[in-house]
Amino acid sequence: MTKVRGLREDIQLGLALKQQMEQWLLTSYQTTNKHITKIDSLTAQPKHNKTY
C-alpha cells in the first residue's frame, strides 16, 4: 500500500505544480502584454499592418 500512497502523493504534487506553473505563465503573459501595449501607446510612430 505504501507504493500506491506514494504514487498518489506524487500525482497530487504534480497537479499542484502544474496549476502553479499555468498560473505563473498566465500572469507573465498578461504582464508582458500590458507592457507591450504601453510601449505601443507611447511610441508615436505610424502603425504598420503586420500579419503574424
PDB file of N, CA and C in Angstrom:
ATOM      1  N   MET A   1       0.815  -1.214   0.000  1.00  0.00           N
ATOM      2  CA  MET A   1       0.000   0.000   0.000  1.00  0.00           C
ATOM      3  C   MET A   1       0.855   1.273   0.000  1.00  0.00           C
ATOM      4  N   THR A   2       2.044   1.168   0.535  1.00  0.00           N
ATOM      5  CA  THR A   2       2.912   2.349   0.611  1.00  0.00           C
ATOM      6  C   THR A   2       3.215   2.896  -0.778  1.00  0.00           C
ATOM      7  N   LYS A   3       3.435   1.985  -1.724  1.00  0.00           N
ATOM      8  CA  LYS A   3       3.759   2.406  -3.082  1.00  0.00           C
ATOM      9  C   LYS A   3       2.596   3.171  -3.710  1.00  0.00           C
ATOM     10  N   VAL A   4       1.377   2.684  -3.490  1.00  0.00           N
ATOM     11  CA  VAL A   4       0.184   3.337  -4.042  1.00  0.00           C
ATOM     12  C   VAL A   4       0.016   4.719  -3.429  1.00  0.00           C
ATOM     13  N   ARG A   5       0.183   4.817  -2.116  1.00  0.00           N
ATOM     14  CA  ARG A   5       0.044   6.102  -1.442  1.00  0.00           C
ATOM     15  C   ARG A   5       1.104   7.086  -1.961  1.00  0.00           C
ATOM     16  N   GLY A   6       2.325   6.600  -2.113  1.00  0.00           N
ATOM     17  CA  GLY A   6       3.404   7.442  -2.628  1.00  0.00           C
ATOM     18  C   GLY A   6       3.101   7.955  -4.021  1.00  0.00           C
ATOM     19  N   LEU A   7       2.558   7.081  -4.845  1.00  0.00           N
ATOM     20  CA  LEU A   7       2.205   7.459  -6.214  1.00  0.00           C
ATOM     21  C   LEU A   7       1.106   8.511  -6.211  1.00  0.00           C
ATOM     22  N   ARG A   8       0.107   8.302  -5.342  1.00  0.00           N
ATOM     23  CA  ARG A   8      -0.993   9.268  -5.233  1.00  0.00           C
ATOM     24  C   ARG A   8      -0.465  10.640  -4.821  1.00  0.00           C
ATOM     25  N   GLU A   9       0.428  10.648  -3.847  1.00  0.00           N
ATOM     26  CA  GLU A   9       1.006  11.913  -3.378  1.00  0.00           C
ATOM     27  C   GLU A   9       1.814  12.578  -4.484  1.00  0.00           C
ATOM     28  N   ASP A  10       2.565  11.773  -5.231  1.00  0.00           N
ATOM     29  CA  ASP A  10       3.339  12.311  -6.354  1.00  0.00           C
ATOM     30  C   ASP A  10       2.420  12.953  -7.386  1.00  0.00           C
ATOM     31  N   ILE A  11       1.307  12.281  -7.677  1.00  0.00           N
ATOM     32  CA  ILE A  11       0.351  12.804  -8.658  1.00  0.00           C
ATOM     33  C   ILE A  11      -0.257  14.116  -8.155  1.00  0.00           C
ATOM     34  N   GLN A  12      -0.633  14.145  -6.879  1.00  0.00           N
ATOM     35  CA  GLN A  12      -1.212  15.369  -6.309  1.00  0.00           C
ATOM     36  C   GLN A  12      -0.209  16.520  -6.341  1.00  0.00           C
ATOM     37  N   LEU A  13       1.039  16.227  -5.978  1.00  0.00           N
ATOM     38  CA  LEU A  13       2.079  17.256  -6.020  1.00  0.00           C
ATOM     39  C   LEU A  13       2.306  17.731  -7.451  1.00  0.00           C
ATOM     40  N   GLY A  14       2.303  16.777  -8.385  1.00  0.00           N
ATOM     41  CA  GLY A  14       2.488  17.114  -9.792  1.00  0.00           C
ATOM     42  C   GLY A  14       1.378  18.009 -10.310  1.00  0.00           C
ATOM     43  N   LEU A  15       0.142  17.696  -9.938  1.00  0.00           N
ATOM     44  CA  LEU A  15      -1.003  18.510 -10.370  1.00  0.00           C
ATOM     45  C   LEU A  15      -0.945  19.906  -9.756  1.00  0.00           C
ATOM     46  N   ALA A  16      -0.549  19.977  -8.480  1.00  0.00           N
ATOM     47  CA  ALA A  16      -0.438  21.278  -7.816  1.00  0.00           C
ATOM     48  C   ALA A  16       0.637  22.121  -8.495  1.00  0.00           C
ATOM     49  N   LEU A  17       1.760  21.490  -8.824  1.00  0.00           N
ATOM     50  CA  LEU A  17       2.851  22.198  -9.500  1.00  0.00           C
ATOM     51  C   LEU A  17       2.410  22.666 -10.883  1.00  0.00           C
ATOM     52  N   LYS A  18       1.673  21.799 -11.588  1.00  0.00           N
ATOM     53  CA  LYS A  18       1.161  22.142 -12.921  1.00  0.00           C
ATOM     54  C   LYS A  18       0.258  23.376 -12.842  1.00  0.00           C
ATOM     55  N   GLN A  19      -0.630  23.402 -11.845  1.00  0.00           N
ATOM     56  CA  GLN A  19      -1.530  24.547 -11.684  1.00  0.00           C
ATOM     57  C   GLN A  19      -0.743  25.822 -11.389  1.00  0.00           C
ATOM     58  N   GLN A  20       0.279  25.703 -10.533  1.00  0.00           N
ATOM     59  CA  GLN A  20       1.098  26.873 -10.209  1.00  0.00           C
ATOM     60  C   GLN A  20       1.827  27.385 -11.442  1.00  0.00           C
ATOM     61  N   MET A  21       2.368  26.468 -12.235  1.00  0.00           N
ATOM     62  CA  MET A  21       3.084  26.862 -13.447  1.00  0.00           C
ATOM     63  C   MET A  21       2.149  27.520 -14.458  1.00  0.00           C
ATOM     64  N   GLU A  22       0.943  26.962 -14.604  1.00  0.00           N
ATOM     65  CA  GLU A  22      -0.033  27.553 -15.524  1.00  0.00           C
ATOM     66  C   GLU A  22      -0.399  28.961 -15.078  1.00  0.00           C
ATOM     67  N   GLN A  23      -0.596  29.150 -13.776  1.00  0.00           N
ATOM     68  CA  GLN A  23      -0.939  30.465 -13.238  1.00  0.00           C
ATOM     69  C   GLN A  23       0.206  31.447 -13.469  1.00  0.00           C
ATOM     70  N   TRP A  24       1.442  30.970 -13.235  1.00  0.00           N
ATOM     71  CA  TRP A  24       2.622  31.817 -13.423  1.00  0.00           C
ATOM     72  C   TRP A  24       2.753  32.225 -14.888  1.00  0.00           C
ATOM     73  N   LEU A  25       2.553  31.265 -15.795  1.00  0.00           N
ATOM     74  CA  LEU A  25       2.643  31.559 -17.224  1.00  0.00           C
ATOM     75  C   LEU A  25       1.582  32.569 -17.645  1.00  0.00           C
ATOM     76  N   LEU A  26       0.360  32.383 -17.152  1.00  0.00           N
ATOM     77  CA  LEU A  26      -0.735  33.289 -17.482  1.00  0.00           C
ATOM     78  C   LEU A  26      -0.430  34.701 -16.983  1.00  0.00           C
ATOM     79  N   THR A  27       0.033  34.799 -15.740  1.00  0.00           N
ATOM     80  CA  THR A  27       0.376  36.099 -15.155  1.00  0.00           C
ATOM     81  C   THR A  27       1.507  36.760 -15.936  1.00  0.00           C
ATOM     82  N   SER A  28       2.534  35.987 -16.282  1.00  0.00           N
ATOM     83  CA  SER A  28       3.665  36.517 -17.051  1.00  0.00           C
ATOM     84  C   SER A  28       3.197  37.017 -18.408  1.00  0.00           C
ATOM     85  N   TYR A  29       2.336  36.239 -19.059  1.00  0.00           N
ATOM     86  CA  TYR A  29       1.817  36.611 -20.377  1.00  0.00           C
ATOM     87  C   TYR A  29       1.027  37.914 -20.295  1.00  0.00           C
ATOM     88  N   GLN A  30       0.148  38.012 -19.288  1.00  0.00           N
ATOM     89  CA  GLN A  30      -0.680  39.208 -19.141  1.00  0.00           C
ATOM     90  C   GLN A  30       0.185  40.434 -18.855  1.00  0.00           C
ATOM     91  N   THR A  31       1.192  40.280 -17.985  1.00  0.00           N
ATOM     92  CA  THR A  31       2.088  41.386 -17.650  1.00  0.00           C
ATOM     93  C   THR A  31       2.856  41.836 -18.883  1.00  0.00           C
ATOM     94  N   THR A  32       3.394  40.883 -19.645  1.00  0.00           N
ATOM     95  CA  THR A  32       4.142  41.195 -20.863  1.00  0.00           C
ATOM     96  C   THR A  32       3.237  41.900 -21.863  1.00  0.00           C
ATOM     97  N   ASN A  33       2.019  41.422 -21.999  1.00  0.00           N
ATOM     98  CA  ASN A  33       1.054  42.028 -22.910  1.00  0.00           C
ATOM     99  C   ASN A  33       0.786  43.481 -22.538  1.00  0.00           C
ATOM    100  N   LYS A  34       0.629  43.747 -21.227  1.00  0.00           N
ATOM    101  CA  LYS A  34       0.390  45.117 -20.759  1.00  0.00           C
ATOM    102  C   LYS A  34       1.570  46.007 -21.102  1.00  0.00           C
ATOM    103  N   HIS A  35       2.796  45.497 -20.900  1.00  0.00           N
ATOM    104  CA  HIS A  35       3.990  46.281 -21.198  1.00  0.00           C
ATOM    105  C   HIS A  35       4.083  46.590 -22.686  1.00  0.00           C
ATOM    106  N   ILE A  36       3.795  45.594 -23.520  1.00  0.00           N
ATOM    107  CA  ILE A  36       3.837  45.793 -24.972  1.00  0.00           C
ATOM    108  C   ILE A  36       2.796  46.830 -25.389  1.00  0.00           C
ATOM    109  N   THR A  37       1.598  46.730 -24.842  1.00  0.00           N
ATOM    110  CA  THR A  37       0.535  47.688 -25.150  1.00  0.00           C
ATOM    111  C   THR A  37       0.953  49.091 -24.734  1.00  0.00           C
ATOM    112  N   LYS A  38       1.564  49.208 -23.546  1.00  0.00           N
ATOM    113  CA  LYS A  38       2.024  50.505 -23.039  1.00  0.00           C
ATOM    114  C   LYS A  38       3.094  51.080 -23.963  1.00  0.00           C
ATOM    115  N   ILE A  39       4.058  50.253 -24.369  1.00  0.00           N
ATOM    116  CA  ILE A  39       5.125  50.701 -25.267  1.00  0.00           C
ATOM    117  C   ILE A  39       4.531  51.145 -26.602  1.00  0.00           C
ATOM    118  N   ASP A  40       3.582  50.375 -27.119  1.00  0.00           N
ATOM    119  CA  ASP A  40       2.911  50.731 -28.374  1.00  0.00           C
ATOM    120  C   ASP A  40       2.238  52.090 -28.263  1.00  0.00           C
ATOM    121  N   SER A  41       1.580  52.336 -27.144  1.00  0.00           N
ATOM    122  CA  SER A  41       0.860  53.597 -26.992  1.00  0.00           C
ATOM    123  C   SER A  41       1.826  54.767 -26.778  1.00  0.00           C
ATOM    124  N   LEU A  42       3.016  54.480 -26.260  1.00  0.00           N
ATOM    125  CA  LEU A  42       3.995  55.545 -26.030  1.00  0.00           C
ATOM    126  C   LEU A  42       4.740  55.932 -27.305  1.00  0.00           C
ATOM    127  N   THR A  43       4.880  55.000 -28.223  1.00  0.00           N
ATOM    128  CA  THR A  43       5.578  55.307 -29.470  1.00  0.00           C
ATOM    129  C   THR A  43       4.598  55.971 -30.424  1.00  0.00           C
ATOM    130  N   ALA A  44       5.008  57.085 -30.969  1.00  0.00           N
ATOM    131  CA  ALA A  44       4.102  57.864 -31.814  1.00  0.00           C
ATOM    132  C   ALA A  44       4.305  57.559 -33.295  1.00  0.00           C
ATOM    133  N   GLN A  45       4.888  56.422 -33.590  1.00  0.00           N
ATOM    134  CA  GLN A  45       5.125  56.066 -34.986  1.00  0.00           C
ATOM    135  C   GLN A  45       3.861  55.477 -35.594  1.00  0.00           C
ATOM    136  N   PRO A  46       3.690  55.675 -36.906  1.00  0.00           N
ATOM    137  CA  PRO A  46       2.503  55.118 -37.564  1.00  0.00           C
ATOM    138  C   PRO A  46       2.503  53.599 -37.461  1.00  0.00           C
ATOM    139  N   LYS A  47       1.327  53.052 -37.301  1.00  0.00           N
ATOM    140  CA  LYS A  47       1.203  51.597 -37.173  1.00  0.00           C
ATOM    141  C   LYS A  47       1.268  50.944 -38.554  1.00  0.00           C
ATOM    142  N   HIS A  48       2.023  49.885 -38.635  1.00  0.00           N
ATOM    143  CA  HIS A  48       2.106  49.121 -39.880  1.00  0.00           C
ATOM    144  C   HIS A  48       1.222  47.898 -39.739  1.00  0.00           C
ATOM    145  N   ASN A  49       0.589  47.533 -40.821  1.00  0.00           N
ATOM    146  CA  ASN A  49      -0.247  46.330 -40.788  1.00  0.00           C
ATOM    147  C   ASN A  49       0.634  45.106 -40.960  1.00  0.00           C
ATOM    148  N   LYS A  50       0.953  44.496 -39.848  1.00  0.00           N
ATOM    149  CA  LYS A  50       1.781  43.294 -39.896  1.00  0.00           C
ATOM    150  C   LYS A  50       0.898  42.090 -39.621  1.00  0.00           C
ATOM    151  N   THR A  51       1.112  41.046 -40.375  1.00  0.00           N
ATOM    152  CA  THR A  51       0.388  39.811 -40.088  1.00  0.00           C
ATOM    153  C   THR A  51       1.381  38.797 -39.564  1.00  0.00           C
ATOM    154  N   TYR A  52       1.036  38.215 -38.453  1.00  0.00           N
ATOM    155  CA  TYR A  52       1.920  37.221 -37.837  1.00  0.00           C
ATOM    156  C   TYR A  52       1.321  35.848 -37.993  1.00  0.00           C
TER     157      TYR A  52
END
